Amino acid sequence: MRRSSAHGLDKEGIEYSVIDLEGDPRAVNALRALGYSQAPVVIAGDQHWGGFRPDRIKALAAV
């Protein structure tokens, strides 16, 4: 995960897991199935987005 996304999640106190795509072909296939071809991808329940999205992180923290 890019440091920006991780920093934003940390700042909002949101727990997360980092998955090494290089070592997990199933994870790569799952992201491709969602339409992503680049990382980072943040998946939170039924929400997901690519890249650093501070607006989405703040909305997630408000839940």
N, C-alpha and C. Protein backbone atom coordinates (compact mmCIF):
# COMPACT_ATOMS: atom_id res chain seq x y z
N MET A 1 0.86 -1.17 0.00
CA MET A 1 0.00 0.00 0.00
C MET A 1 0.90 1.22 0.00
N ARG A 2 0.50 2.18 -0.79
CA ARG A 2 1.27 3.42 -0.80
C ARG A 2 1.21 4.07 0.56
N ARG A 3 2.26 4.75 0.89
CA ARG A 3 2.34 5.38 2.20
C ARG A 3 1.22 6.39 2.43
N SER A 4 0.79 7.08 1.40
CA SER A 4 -0.28 8.06 1.57
C SER A 4 -1.56 7.41 2.07
N SER A 5 -1.96 6.31 1.45
CA SER A 5 -3.17 5.61 1.88
C SER A 5 -3.01 5.06 3.29
N ALA A 6 -1.89 4.44 3.55
CA ALA A 6 -1.64 3.89 4.89
C ALA A 6 -1.63 5.00 5.93
N HIS A 7 -1.00 6.12 5.62
CA HIS A 7 -0.95 7.24 6.56
C HIS A 7 -2.36 7.77 6.83
N GLY A 8 -3.17 7.90 5.79
CA GLY A 8 -4.54 8.38 5.96
C GLY A 8 -5.36 7.45 6.84
N LEU A 9 -5.22 6.14 6.61
CA LEU A 9 -5.95 5.17 7.43
C LEU A 9 -5.46 5.21 8.87
N ASP A 10 -4.14 5.30 9.05
CA ASP A 10 -3.58 5.40 10.40
C ASP A 10 -4.09 6.65 11.12
N LYS A 11 -4.08 7.77 10.42
CA LYS A 11 -4.50 9.04 11.00
C LYS A 11 -5.95 8.99 11.48
N GLU A 12 -6.79 8.26 10.77
CA GLU A 12 -8.20 8.14 11.14
C GLU A 12 -8.46 6.99 12.11
N GLY A 13 -7.41 6.24 12.45
CA GLY A 13 -7.56 5.14 13.40
C GLY A 13 -8.27 3.93 12.82
N ILE A 14 -8.15 3.75 11.52
CA ILE A 14 -8.80 2.64 10.83
C ILE A 14 -7.80 1.49 10.70
N GLU A 15 -8.19 0.33 11.21
CA GLU A 15 -7.33 -0.85 11.09
C GLU A 15 -7.39 -1.38 9.67
N TYR A 16 -6.28 -1.94 9.21
CA TYR A 16 -6.22 -2.47 7.85
C TYR A 16 -5.16 -3.56 7.77
N SER A 17 -5.24 -4.32 6.70
CA SER A 17 -4.23 -5.34 6.40
C SER A 17 -3.62 -5.01 5.06
N VAL A 18 -2.34 -5.26 4.94
CA VAL A 18 -1.64 -5.07 3.68
C VAL A 18 -1.39 -6.45 3.08
N ILE A 19 -1.76 -6.61 1.83
CA ILE A 19 -1.55 -7.89 1.15
C ILE A 19 -0.49 -7.69 0.08
N ASP A 20 0.55 -8.51 0.13
CA ASP A 20 1.62 -8.46 -0.86
C ASP A 20 1.13 -9.15 -2.13
N LEU A 21 0.81 -8.37 -3.13
CA LEU A 21 0.27 -8.94 -4.37
C LEU A 21 1.28 -9.82 -5.09
N GLU A 22 2.53 -9.52 -4.91
CA GLU A 22 3.57 -10.31 -5.57
C GLU A 22 3.55 -11.75 -5.10
N GLY A 23 3.18 -11.96 -3.85
CA GLY A 23 3.19 -13.30 -3.30
C GLY A 23 1.82 -13.94 -3.23
N ASP A 24 0.79 -13.29 -3.81
CA ASP A 24 -0.57 -13.81 -3.68
C ASP A 24 -1.34 -13.67 -4.99
N PRO A 25 -1.19 -14.64 -5.89
CA PRO A 25 -1.88 -14.56 -7.18
C PRO A 25 -3.40 -14.54 -7.06
N ARG A 26 -3.94 -15.14 -6.00
CA ARG A 26 -5.39 -15.09 -5.80
C ARG A 26 -5.86 -13.66 -5.55
N ALA A 27 -5.07 -12.91 -4.79
CA ALA A 27 -5.41 -11.51 -4.51
C ALA A 27 -5.36 -10.69 -5.80
N VAL A 28 -4.36 -10.95 -6.63
CA VAL A 28 -4.25 -10.25 -7.91
C VAL A 28 -5.48 -10.53 -8.75
N ASN A 29 -5.90 -11.78 -8.82
CA ASN A 29 -7.08 -12.14 -9.60
C ASN A 29 -8.34 -11.50 -9.04
N ALA A 30 -8.44 -11.42 -7.72
CA ALA A 30 -9.61 -10.78 -7.09
C ALA A 30 -9.68 -9.30 -7.45
N LEU A 31 -8.53 -8.62 -7.44
CA LEU A 31 -8.51 -7.20 -7.80
C LEU A 31 -8.83 -7.00 -9.27
N ARG A 32 -8.32 -7.87 -10.11
CA ARG A 32 -8.64 -7.79 -11.54
C ARG A 32 -10.13 -7.99 -11.77
N ALA A 33 -10.74 -8.90 -11.02
CA ALA A 33 -12.17 -9.15 -11.14
C ALA A 33 -12.99 -7.91 -10.76
N LEU A 34 -12.44 -7.08 -9.87
CA LEU A 34 -13.10 -5.83 -9.50
C LEU A 34 -12.81 -4.70 -10.50
N GLY A 35 -11.96 -4.98 -11.48
CA GLY A 35 -11.66 -4.01 -12.52
C GLY A 35 -10.39 -3.21 -12.32
N TYR A 36 -9.56 -3.59 -11.35
CA TYR A 36 -8.32 -2.86 -11.08
C TYR A 36 -7.15 -3.50 -11.79
N SER A 37 -6.26 -2.64 -12.28
CA SER A 37 -5.03 -3.14 -12.90
C SER A 37 -3.79 -2.55 -12.24
N GLN A 38 -4.00 -1.67 -11.25
CA GLN A 38 -2.89 -1.06 -10.53
C GLN A 38 -3.19 -1.04 -9.04
N ALA A 39 -2.14 -0.97 -8.26
CA ALA A 39 -2.27 -0.87 -6.80
C ALA A 39 -1.83 0.53 -6.39
N PRO A 40 -2.22 1.03 -5.26
CA PRO A 40 -2.96 0.35 -4.21
C PRO A 40 -4.46 0.36 -4.45
N VAL A 41 -5.10 -0.63 -3.87
CA VAL A 41 -6.56 -0.71 -3.86
C VAL A 41 -6.98 -0.86 -2.41
N VAL A 42 -7.93 -0.06 -2.00
CA VAL A 42 -8.47 -0.14 -0.65
C VAL A 42 -9.83 -0.82 -0.75
N ILE A 43 -10.02 -1.88 0.02
CA ILE A 43 -11.29 -2.58 0.06
C ILE A 43 -11.78 -2.53 1.50
N ALA A 44 -12.99 -1.99 1.66
CA ALA A 44 -13.59 -1.86 2.99
C ALA A 44 -15.04 -2.32 2.88
N GLY A 45 -15.27 -3.57 3.23
CA GLY A 45 -16.62 -4.12 3.09
C GLY A 45 -17.02 -4.15 1.63
N ASP A 46 -18.14 -3.50 1.29
CA ASP A 46 -18.59 -3.48 -0.10
C ASP A 46 -18.08 -2.26 -0.86
N GLN A 47 -17.25 -1.45 -0.21
CA GLN A 47 -16.65 -0.28 -0.86
C GLN A 47 -15.23 -0.63 -1.30
N HIS A 48 -14.82 -0.06 -2.41
CA HIS A 48 -13.43 -0.22 -2.84
C HIS A 48 -13.06 0.93 -3.76
N TRP A 49 -11.78 1.29 -3.72
CA TRP A 49 -11.28 2.35 -4.58
C TRP A 49 -9.80 2.18 -4.79
N GLY A 50 -9.30 2.82 -5.84
CA GLY A 50 -7.88 2.77 -6.15
C GLY A 50 -7.21 4.09 -5.82
N GLY A 51 -5.97 3.99 -5.40
CA GLY A 51 -5.19 5.19 -5.12
C GLY A 51 -5.53 5.82 -3.78
N PHE A 52 -4.89 6.95 -3.54
CA PHE A 52 -5.08 7.69 -2.29
C PHE A 52 -6.32 8.55 -2.42
N ARG A 53 -7.32 8.28 -1.60
CA ARG A 53 -8.59 9.01 -1.61
C ARG A 53 -8.92 9.48 -0.20
N PRO A 54 -8.37 10.62 0.21
CA PRO A 54 -8.62 11.09 1.57
C PRO A 54 -10.11 11.31 1.85
N ASP A 55 -10.89 11.68 0.84
CA ASP A 55 -12.32 11.87 1.02
C ASP A 55 -13.01 10.55 1.39
N ARG A 56 -12.61 9.47 0.74
CA ARG A 56 -13.20 8.16 1.01
C ARG A 56 -12.75 7.64 2.38
N ILE A 57 -11.50 7.92 2.75
CA ILE A 57 -10.99 7.49 4.05
C ILE A 57 -11.75 8.21 5.15
N LYS A 58 -11.96 9.51 5.01
CA LYS A 58 -12.71 10.26 6.02
C LYS A 58 -14.15 9.76 6.12
N ALA A 59 -14.78 9.46 4.99
CA ALA A 59 -16.15 8.93 5.00
C ALA A 59 -16.19 7.58 5.70
N LEU A 60 -15.19 6.76 5.47
CA LEU A 60 -15.12 5.45 6.11
C LEU A 60 -14.95 5.61 7.63
N ALA A 61 -14.16 6.58 8.04
CA ALA A 61 -13.93 6.81 9.47
C ALA A 61 -15.20 7.30 10.16
N ALA A 62 -16.07 7.97 9.41
CA ALA A 62 -17.30 8.53 9.99
C ALA A 62 -18.36 7.48 10.24
N VAL A 63 -18.18 6.30 9.68
CA VAL A 63 -19.19 5.23 9.83
C VAL A 63 -19.13 4.63 11.21
